[in-house]
Protein backbone atom coordinates (compact mmCIF):
# COMPACT_ATOMS: atom_id res chain seq x y z
CA MET A 1 109.04 40.67 28.44
CA LYS A 2 109.37 42.99 31.49
CA ASN A 3 112.30 42.24 33.84
CA LEU A 4 110.85 41.60 37.33
CA PHE A 5 114.25 41.29 39.01
CA ASN A 6 115.26 44.85 39.81
CA GLY A 7 118.12 45.53 42.24
CA PHE A 8 120.40 48.22 43.61
CA THR A 9 123.36 49.47 41.66
CA LEU A 10 126.83 49.43 43.21
CA ALA A 11 126.75 53.21 43.46
CA GLU A 12 123.48 53.13 45.38
CA VAL A 13 124.84 50.55 47.82
CA LEU A 14 128.01 52.58 48.41
CA ILE A 15 126.02 55.77 48.98
CA THR A 16 123.77 53.99 51.49
CA LEU A 17 126.76 52.54 53.34
CA GLY A 18 128.35 55.98 53.37
CA ILE A 19 125.25 57.51 54.95
CA ILE A 20 125.12 54.75 57.57
CA GLY A 21 128.79 55.35 58.36
CA VAL A 22 128.23 59.06 58.88
CA VAL A 23 125.24 58.43 61.16
CA VAL A 24 127.23 55.89 63.19
CA ALA A 25 130.19 58.26 63.47
CA ILE A 26 127.89 60.98 64.79
CA THR A 27 125.86 58.88 67.23
CA ILE A 28 128.45 56.50 68.73
CA PRO A 29 130.42 59.18 70.64
CA THR A 30 127.17 60.49 72.13
CA LEU A 31 126.08 56.99 73.09
CA MET A 32 129.46 56.26 74.67
CA ALA A 33 129.38 59.55 76.62
CA ASN A 34 125.87 58.76 77.88
CA LEU A 35 126.93 55.27 78.94
CA ARG A 36 129.93 56.69 80.80
CA ALA A 37 127.76 59.29 82.54
CA THR A 38 125.17 56.67 83.52
CA LYS A 39 127.86 54.36 84.90
CA LEU A 40 129.51 57.12 86.94
CA LYS A 41 126.14 58.25 88.29
CA SER A 42 125.35 54.69 89.39
CA GLN A 43 128.76 54.34 91.07
CA PHE A 44 128.31 57.65 92.85
CA GLU A 45 124.84 56.80 94.15
CA LYS A 46 126.01 53.40 95.40
CA THR A 47 129.00 54.95 97.14
CA TYR A 48 126.84 57.60 98.80
CA ALA A 49 124.40 54.93 100.01
CA ASP A 50 127.20 52.65 101.23
CA LEU A 51 128.82 55.46 103.23
CA ASN A 52 125.55 56.14 105.02
CA VAL A 53 124.83 52.46 105.67
CA ALA A 54 128.32 52.07 107.16
CA SER A 55 127.96 55.23 109.26
CA ARG A 56 124.59 54.11 110.65
CA ALA A 57 125.94 50.64 111.40
CA PHE A 58 128.95 52.20 113.14
CA TYR A 59 126.59 54.22 115.33
CA ALA A 60 124.53 51.15 116.19
CA ASP A 61 127.61 49.12 117.12
CA ASN A 62 129.49 51.80 119.06
CA ASP A 63 126.69 53.90 120.54
CA MET A 64 128.33 57.00 119.09
CA SER A 65 128.56 58.60 115.68
CA PHE A 66 131.75 58.22 113.70
CA ARG A 67 132.23 61.95 114.10
CA GLU A 68 132.24 61.52 117.90
CA TYR A 69 134.59 58.53 117.63
CA GLN A 70 137.02 60.45 115.46
CA ASP A 71 136.97 63.32 117.96
CA SER A 72 137.89 60.87 120.72
CA GLN A 73 141.06 59.91 118.86
CA TYR A 74 142.56 63.37 119.19
CA ASP A 75 145.36 63.32 121.78
CA GLY A 76 146.54 66.90 121.38
CA LEU A 77 149.11 65.96 118.76
CA SER A 78 147.61 63.43 116.39
CA TYR A 79 144.09 63.16 114.98
CA GLY A 80 144.39 59.44 114.35
CA SER A 81 142.95 59.71 110.84
CA THR A 82 144.54 56.51 109.54
CA LYS A 83 143.44 54.49 112.58
CA SER A 84 139.90 55.90 112.35
CA LEU A 85 139.58 55.22 108.63
CA LYS A 86 140.79 51.65 109.07
CA TYR A 87 138.11 51.13 111.72
CA PHE A 88 135.42 52.66 109.55
CA MET A 89 136.48 50.50 106.59
CA THR A 90 135.69 47.34 108.56
CA TYR A 91 132.12 48.08 107.46
CA PHE A 92 133.18 47.56 103.83
CA LYS A 93 133.96 44.17 102.33
CA GLY A 94 137.52 43.25 101.47
CA HIS A 95 139.15 46.49 102.55
CA SER A 96 142.93 46.79 102.43
CA SER A 97 145.48 49.49 103.17
CA GLN A 98 147.27 50.99 100.18
CA GLY A 99 149.78 53.23 101.95
CA SER A 100 149.89 57.02 101.81
CA VAL A 101 147.81 58.86 99.23
CA ARG A 102 150.80 60.33 97.41
CA THR A 103 152.86 57.14 97.51
CA PHE A 104 149.91 55.16 96.17
CA GLU A 105 149.41 57.53 93.24
CA THR A 106 153.11 57.64 92.44
CA THR A 107 153.45 53.85 92.57
CA ARG A 108 150.39 53.34 90.35
CA GLY A 109 151.36 56.14 87.97
CA LEU A 110 148.06 57.94 88.59
CA LYS A 111 147.38 61.62 88.01
CA ASN A 112 145.34 63.75 90.39
CA LEU A 113 143.37 66.02 88.06
CA ASN A 114 140.98 68.91 88.47
CA LEU A 115 137.80 69.41 86.41
CA ASN A 116 139.76 71.30 83.77
CA GLY A 117 142.32 68.51 83.44
CA GLN A 118 145.00 70.38 85.38
CA GLU A 119 147.20 68.11 87.48
CA MET A 120 146.84 68.95 91.16
CA ALA A 121 149.44 68.65 93.89
CA GLN A 122 146.72 68.80 96.56
CA TRP A 123 144.41 66.07 97.79
CA ALA A 124 141.34 67.14 99.75
CA CYS A 125 141.80 64.21 102.17
CA ASP A 126 145.47 63.46 102.72
CA GLN A 127 145.77 62.93 106.47
CA SER A 128 145.26 59.18 106.33
CA GLU A 129 146.55 56.26 104.36
CA MET A 130 144.55 55.15 101.33
CA GLU A 131 142.10 52.28 101.77
CA MET A 132 140.59 50.15 98.99
CA ASP A 133 137.44 48.06 99.26
CA ILE A 134 136.57 44.86 97.39
CA SER A 135 135.06 46.79 94.46
CA GLY A 136 138.24 48.82 94.00
CA ARG A 137 136.96 52.11 95.38
CA LEU A 138 139.58 54.28 97.06
CA PHE A 139 138.98 56.03 100.39
CA SER A 140 141.01 58.58 102.34
CA MET A 141 140.29 60.88 105.26
CA ASP A 142 141.21 64.33 106.55
CA ASP A 143 141.83 65.66 110.08
CA ASN A 144 139.04 65.11 112.55
CA ALA A 145 136.36 67.56 113.63
CA ALA A 146 137.77 68.20 117.11
CA ARG A 147 140.27 70.54 115.53
CA TYR A 148 137.53 72.81 114.21
CA ASN A 149 134.76 72.55 116.84
CA LEU A 150 132.09 72.04 114.19
CA PRO A 151 129.07 69.69 114.02
CA THR A 152 130.54 68.09 110.89
CA GLY A 153 133.75 66.25 110.16
CA PRO A 154 135.95 64.62 109.26
CA LYS A 155 135.97 64.77 105.48
CA ILE A 156 136.17 61.49 103.59
CA CYS A 157 137.16 61.38 99.93
CA VAL A 158 136.22 58.54 97.60
CA ASP A 159 137.35 57.70 94.10
CA ILE A 160 134.19 55.92 93.02
CA ASN A 161 135.84 53.90 90.24
CA GLY A 162 139.21 53.34 91.88
CA VAL A 163 142.34 53.49 89.74
CA ASP A 164 140.33 53.77 86.53
CA ARG A 165 140.58 57.08 84.72
CA PRO A 166 139.96 59.97 84.62
CA ASN A 167 140.83 60.40 88.35
CA LYS A 168 139.31 63.88 88.30
CA TRP A 169 137.69 65.81 91.12
CA GLY A 170 134.00 66.12 90.41
CA VAL A 171 134.02 63.32 87.84
CA ASP A 172 135.03 60.22 89.79
CA ARG A 173 136.51 61.78 92.94
CA PHE A 174 134.18 63.30 95.54
CA VAL A 175 134.32 64.73 99.05
CA PHE A 176 131.81 63.88 101.79
CA VAL A 177 131.64 64.77 105.47
CA PHE A 178 130.34 63.01 108.60
CA THR A 179 127.71 64.69 110.75
CA ASP A 180 126.94 64.46 114.46
CA THR A 181 123.67 62.69 113.57
CA ALA A 182 125.57 59.69 112.14
CA ALA A 183 124.91 60.67 108.53
CA VAL A 184 127.33 61.25 105.67
CA VAL A 185 126.55 64.19 103.38
CA PRO A 186 128.28 66.01 100.52
CA TYR A 187 130.86 68.46 101.82
CA THR A 188 129.96 72.06 100.94
CA GLY A 189 132.52 74.01 102.97
CA THR A 190 134.60 76.66 101.23
CA SER A 191 137.95 75.14 102.30
CA TRP A 192 139.36 72.11 100.54
CA SER A 193 142.22 71.60 103.01
CA ASP A 194 140.31 72.03 106.29
CA VAL A 195 136.78 71.37 107.50
CA ASN A 196 134.72 74.51 107.78
CA ALA A 197 131.03 75.37 108.01
CA GLN A 198 128.68 73.76 105.52
CA GLN A 199 127.32 76.29 103.02
CA THR A 200 123.70 76.30 101.87
CA ASP A 201 123.89 79.00 99.20
CA GLU A 202 124.26 77.16 95.88
CA SER A 203 125.97 80.15 94.26
CA ILE A 204 128.75 79.86 96.85
CA ILE A 205 128.96 76.07 96.65
CA ALA A 206 129.18 76.28 92.84
CA GLN A 207 132.37 78.34 93.05
CA TYR A 208 134.21 75.24 94.26
CA CYS A 209 132.77 72.89 91.64
CA SER A 210 134.04 74.67 88.59
CA SER A 211 136.65 74.21 85.87
CA SER A 212 138.07 77.58 86.84
CA THR A 213 138.83 76.76 90.48
CA THR A 214 142.55 76.56 91.20
CA THR A 215 142.03 74.18 94.13
CA PRO A 216 140.47 70.68 94.02
CA ALA A 217 136.82 70.87 92.96
CA HIS A 218 135.69 69.65 96.38
CA THR A 219 131.97 70.57 96.49
CA CYS A 220 130.82 68.66 93.41
CA ALA A 221 129.22 65.85 95.42
CA TYR A 222 126.45 68.30 96.33
CA PHE A 223 125.49 68.83 92.69
CA ALA A 224 126.16 65.21 91.71
CA HIS A 225 123.73 64.03 94.41
CA LYS A 226 121.01 66.43 93.27
CA ASN A 227 121.94 65.85 89.60
CA ILE A 228 121.89 69.56 88.84
CA SER A 229 124.60 71.48 87.06
CA PRO A 230 126.50 74.06 89.13
CA THR A 231 126.21 76.34 86.11
CA GLY A 232 122.42 76.30 86.42
CA LYS A 233 122.03 74.76 82.98
CA GLY A 234 121.00 71.13 82.59
CA ASP A 235 121.85 68.17 84.79
CA TYR A 236 125.14 67.17 86.37
CA TRP A 237 126.04 63.78 84.97
CA HIS A 238 125.30 64.44 81.31
CA ASP A 239 125.30 68.19 80.68
CA PHE A 240 127.89 69.44 83.16
CA LEU A 241 130.34 66.55 82.75
CA ARG A 242 130.14 66.47 78.95
CA GLY A 243 133.69 66.55 77.65
CA LYS A 244 135.27 66.51 81.11
């Protein structure tokens, strides 16, 4: 009589499990990297939108752009960056002062890293105390625009995921700048330490969003917003940031 109850041998089961394990080992890192990229992209876009909503609301309430307000704080000696940032942060829920940028990082044991993983001594916005909002994002500000007589300024830097790693410029730390039209846009100037003229040539902007730059990668918000790679190959959040 023919046996109708055929099954798998132990060897066949083990081989199948082995194949599944290999496939999982190959795909999970890619899935995790994609999830990370998607999360960071979402955090960036929300931050960019929130900055502009706050800037527009500031204009409506004060009948002047934040850039104009920050200019008015200059007394010939001090640019009032901490005072100005605190005022601007009233447009964010649950904001609180965290002390100086460097003290905050030292106390929390955080590292300030560039795109290549190199620890940086410089912060692109270190003229104010650090502020944190209710979602944990970190904000700091540079000198005001009066110092440079430009239509943009001051710079504002945001760590879009707060104290969470990697704390890298161009990955979760980005630099924006206020305009005289009450908008906030990605900063594309060639100087990380000062405010200078916004660049429009992407080949120039890309020089300061690179793993090879020796100063903070301060122009990456431009490419992150457009979701294009500064290398010209692929997108920003998945292709350019892969492995960073």
